[in-house]
Amino acid sequence: MNKKDSLISKKLLTSYKERLEKEIINRSDKLRIPPHALKQIISNNNEIKELKNVIQKLENNSSSCNNSNS
């Protein structure tokens, strides 16, 4: 994957993760879930965890590419 593809993938995944978190927040508000429980729900959500891992890997790959090009 080249740098441009990596950057686009990272932006798309980050955008999706943010939308997912926002959806969880909206539903939690409707259900009147307390803020501390909401934080736990988001931090324990498997899909969000996986998205964070993939985004981190993309960041690491892009930074290692930047360092090798310097």
N, C-alpha and C. Protein backbone atom coordinates (compact mmCIF):
# COMPACT_ATOMS: atom_id res chain seq x y z
N MET A 1 0.86 -1.17 0.00
CA MET A 1 0.00 0.00 0.00
C MET A 1 0.90 1.24 0.00
N ASN A 2 0.64 2.15 -0.92
CA ASN A 2 1.46 3.35 -0.95
C ASN A 2 0.98 4.37 0.09
N LYS A 3 1.73 5.43 0.21
CA LYS A 3 1.46 6.43 1.25
C LYS A 3 0.08 7.06 1.07
N LYS A 4 -0.29 7.36 -0.18
CA LYS A 4 -1.59 7.99 -0.45
C LYS A 4 -2.74 7.05 -0.05
N ASP A 5 -2.64 5.78 -0.41
CA ASP A 5 -3.67 4.80 -0.05
C ASP A 5 -3.77 4.66 1.47
N SER A 6 -2.64 4.65 2.11
CA SER A 6 -2.60 4.53 3.56
C SER A 6 -3.28 5.72 4.23
N LEU A 7 -3.01 6.90 3.73
CA LEU A 7 -3.60 8.11 4.28
C LEU A 7 -5.11 8.12 4.08
N ILE A 8 -5.57 7.74 2.90
CA ILE A 8 -7.01 7.68 2.62
C ILE A 8 -7.68 6.65 3.51
N SER A 9 -7.07 5.49 3.65
CA SER A 9 -7.63 4.44 4.51
C SER A 9 -7.74 4.91 5.94
N LYS A 10 -6.70 5.57 6.42
CA LYS A 10 -6.70 6.06 7.79
C LYS A 10 -7.82 7.08 7.99
N LYS A 11 -8.00 7.99 7.03
CA LYS A 11 -9.06 9.00 7.15
C LYS A 11 -10.44 8.35 7.15
N LEU A 12 -10.64 7.39 6.28
CA LEU A 12 -11.94 6.71 6.20
C LEU A 12 -12.24 5.93 7.48
N LEU A 13 -11.24 5.22 7.98
CA LEU A 13 -11.44 4.45 9.21
C LEU A 13 -11.68 5.35 10.41
N THR A 14 -10.95 6.45 10.47
CA THR A 14 -11.13 7.40 11.56
C THR A 14 -12.52 8.01 11.52
N SER A 15 -12.96 8.36 10.33
CA SER A 15 -14.30 8.92 10.16
C SER A 15 -15.36 7.90 10.59
N TYR A 16 -15.20 6.65 10.19
CA TYR A 16 -16.15 5.61 10.57
C TYR A 16 -16.16 5.41 12.08
N LYS A 17 -14.99 5.38 12.70
CA LYS A 17 -14.90 5.21 14.15
C LYS A 17 -15.61 6.35 14.87
N GLU A 18 -15.43 7.56 14.39
CA GLU A 18 -16.08 8.72 15.01
C GLU A 18 -17.60 8.65 14.86
N ARG A 19 -18.07 8.22 13.68
CA ARG A 19 -19.52 8.07 13.48
C ARG A 19 -20.09 6.99 14.40
N LEU A 20 -19.35 5.91 14.54
CA LEU A 20 -19.79 4.82 15.42
C LEU A 20 -19.87 5.29 16.87
N GLU A 21 -18.85 6.01 17.31
CA GLU A 21 -18.87 6.55 18.68
C GLU A 21 -20.04 7.52 18.86
N LYS A 22 -20.28 8.35 17.86
CA LYS A 22 -21.38 9.31 17.94
C LYS A 22 -22.72 8.59 18.02
N GLU A 23 -22.87 7.52 17.26
CA GLU A 23 -24.11 6.73 17.28
C GLU A 23 -24.31 6.11 18.67
N ILE A 24 -23.26 5.60 19.26
CA ILE A 24 -23.35 5.02 20.61
C ILE A 24 -23.74 6.10 21.61
N ILE A 25 -23.16 7.28 21.48
CA ILE A 25 -23.48 8.39 22.38
C ILE A 25 -24.95 8.79 22.23
N ASN A 26 -25.41 8.91 20.98
CA ASN A 26 -26.81 9.29 20.75
C ASN A 26 -27.78 8.28 21.34
N ARG A 27 -27.50 7.01 21.12
CA ARG A 27 -28.39 5.98 21.67
C ARG A 27 -28.33 5.95 23.20
N SER A 28 -27.15 6.16 23.74
CA SER A 28 -26.99 6.17 25.19
C SER A 28 -27.75 7.34 25.80
N ASP A 29 -27.72 8.48 25.12
CA ASP A 29 -28.48 9.64 25.60
C ASP A 29 -29.98 9.34 25.64
N LYS A 30 -30.46 8.70 24.58
CA LYS A 30 -31.89 8.35 24.52
C LYS A 30 -32.27 7.38 25.63
N LEU A 31 -31.32 6.50 25.98
CA LEU A 31 -31.57 5.51 27.04
C LEU A 31 -31.20 6.04 28.42
N ARG A 32 -30.71 7.26 28.46
CA ARG A 32 -30.30 7.91 29.72
C ARG A 32 -29.23 7.12 30.47
N ILE A 33 -28.28 6.64 29.71
CA ILE A 33 -27.15 5.91 30.31
C ILE A 33 -26.18 6.95 30.89
N PRO A 34 -25.72 6.75 32.12
CA PRO A 34 -24.81 7.71 32.75
C PRO A 34 -23.48 7.83 31.98
N PRO A 35 -22.86 9.01 32.03
CA PRO A 35 -21.62 9.26 31.29
C PRO A 35 -20.50 8.26 31.59
N HIS A 36 -20.34 7.85 32.85
CA HIS A 36 -19.26 6.91 33.17
C HIS A 36 -19.52 5.55 32.52
N ALA A 37 -20.77 5.15 32.45
CA ALA A 37 -21.11 3.88 31.80
C ALA A 37 -20.92 3.99 30.29
N LEU A 38 -21.23 5.16 29.75
CA LEU A 38 -21.04 5.40 28.32
C LEU A 38 -19.57 5.27 27.93
N LYS A 39 -18.70 5.84 28.75
CA LYS A 39 -17.25 5.74 28.49
C LYS A 39 -16.80 4.28 28.48
N GLN A 40 -17.34 3.50 29.40
CA GLN A 40 -17.02 2.08 29.46
C GLN A 40 -17.52 1.35 28.23
N ILE A 41 -18.72 1.67 27.80
CA ILE A 41 -19.29 1.03 26.62
C ILE A 41 -18.41 1.28 25.41
N ILE A 42 -18.00 2.53 25.23
CA ILE A 42 -17.16 2.88 24.08
C ILE A 42 -15.80 2.22 24.18
N SER A 43 -15.19 2.24 25.36
CA SER A 43 -13.84 1.67 25.49
C SER A 43 -13.85 0.15 25.40
N ASN A 44 -14.98 -0.50 25.68
CA ASN A 44 -15.07 -1.96 25.61
C ASN A 44 -15.67 -2.47 24.30
N ASN A 45 -16.06 -1.56 23.41
CA ASN A 45 -16.66 -1.96 22.15
C ASN A 45 -15.61 -2.60 21.24
N ASN A 46 -15.85 -3.85 20.85
CA ASN A 46 -14.86 -4.59 20.06
C ASN A 46 -14.58 -3.96 18.70
N GLU A 47 -15.62 -3.45 18.07
CA GLU A 47 -15.42 -2.84 16.75
C GLU A 47 -14.57 -1.58 16.85
N ILE A 48 -14.82 -0.77 17.86
CA ILE A 48 -14.02 0.44 18.05
C ILE A 48 -12.58 0.07 18.40
N LYS A 49 -12.40 -0.95 19.23
CA LYS A 49 -11.04 -1.41 19.56
C LYS A 49 -10.29 -1.83 18.31
N GLU A 50 -10.95 -2.60 17.46
CA GLU A 50 -10.32 -3.07 16.23
C GLU A 50 -9.99 -1.90 15.30
N LEU A 51 -10.90 -0.95 15.19
CA LEU A 51 -10.63 0.22 14.37
C LEU A 51 -9.42 1.00 14.88
N LYS A 52 -9.33 1.16 16.20
CA LYS A 52 -8.18 1.86 16.78
C LYS A 52 -6.88 1.12 16.47
N ASN A 53 -6.91 -0.21 16.56
CA ASN A 53 -5.72 -1.00 16.25
C ASN A 53 -5.28 -0.82 14.80
N VAL A 54 -6.23 -0.88 13.89
CA VAL A 54 -5.91 -0.75 12.46
C VAL A 54 -5.40 0.65 12.16
N ILE A 55 -6.03 1.66 12.73
CA ILE A 55 -5.59 3.05 12.53
C ILE A 55 -4.17 3.22 13.06
N GLN A 56 -3.90 2.64 14.23
CA GLN A 56 -2.55 2.73 14.80
C GLN A 56 -1.53 2.05 13.90
N LYS A 57 -1.87 0.90 13.35
CA LYS A 57 -0.95 0.21 12.44
C LYS A 57 -0.69 1.04 11.20
N LEU A 58 -1.72 1.67 10.67
CA LEU A 58 -1.54 2.54 9.51
C LEU A 58 -0.63 3.72 9.85
N GLU A 59 -0.82 4.30 11.04
CA GLU A 59 0.04 5.40 11.47
C GLU A 59 1.49 4.95 11.61
N ASN A 60 1.68 3.77 12.19
CA ASN A 60 3.03 3.25 12.36
C ASN A 60 3.70 2.97 11.01
N ASN A 61 2.92 2.42 10.07
CA ASN A 61 3.46 2.15 8.74
C ASN A 61 3.81 3.43 8.02
N SER A 62 2.97 4.44 8.13
CA SER A 62 3.26 5.69 7.44
C SER A 62 4.44 6.41 8.08
N SER A 63 4.58 6.32 9.40
CA SER A 63 5.72 6.97 10.05
C SER A 63 7.02 6.23 9.74
N SER A 64 6.96 4.91 9.62
CA SER A 64 8.17 4.17 9.26
C SER A 64 8.55 4.43 7.81
N CYS A 65 7.57 4.65 6.94
CA CYS A 65 7.85 5.02 5.55
C CYS A 65 8.48 6.39 5.49
N ASN A 66 7.97 7.31 6.32
CA ASN A 66 8.52 8.67 6.36
C ASN A 66 9.96 8.65 6.84
N ASN A 67 10.26 7.82 7.85
CA ASN A 67 11.61 7.75 8.39
C ASN A 67 12.57 7.12 7.39
N SER A 68 12.13 6.16 6.61
CA SER A 68 13.01 5.52 5.64
C SER A 68 13.26 6.41 4.44
N ASN A 69 12.34 7.35 4.17
CA ASN A 69 12.51 8.27 3.04
C ASN A 69 13.37 9.46 3.42
N SER A 70 13.57 9.70 4.70
CA SER A 70 14.34 10.87 5.16
C SER A 70 15.81 10.68 4.98
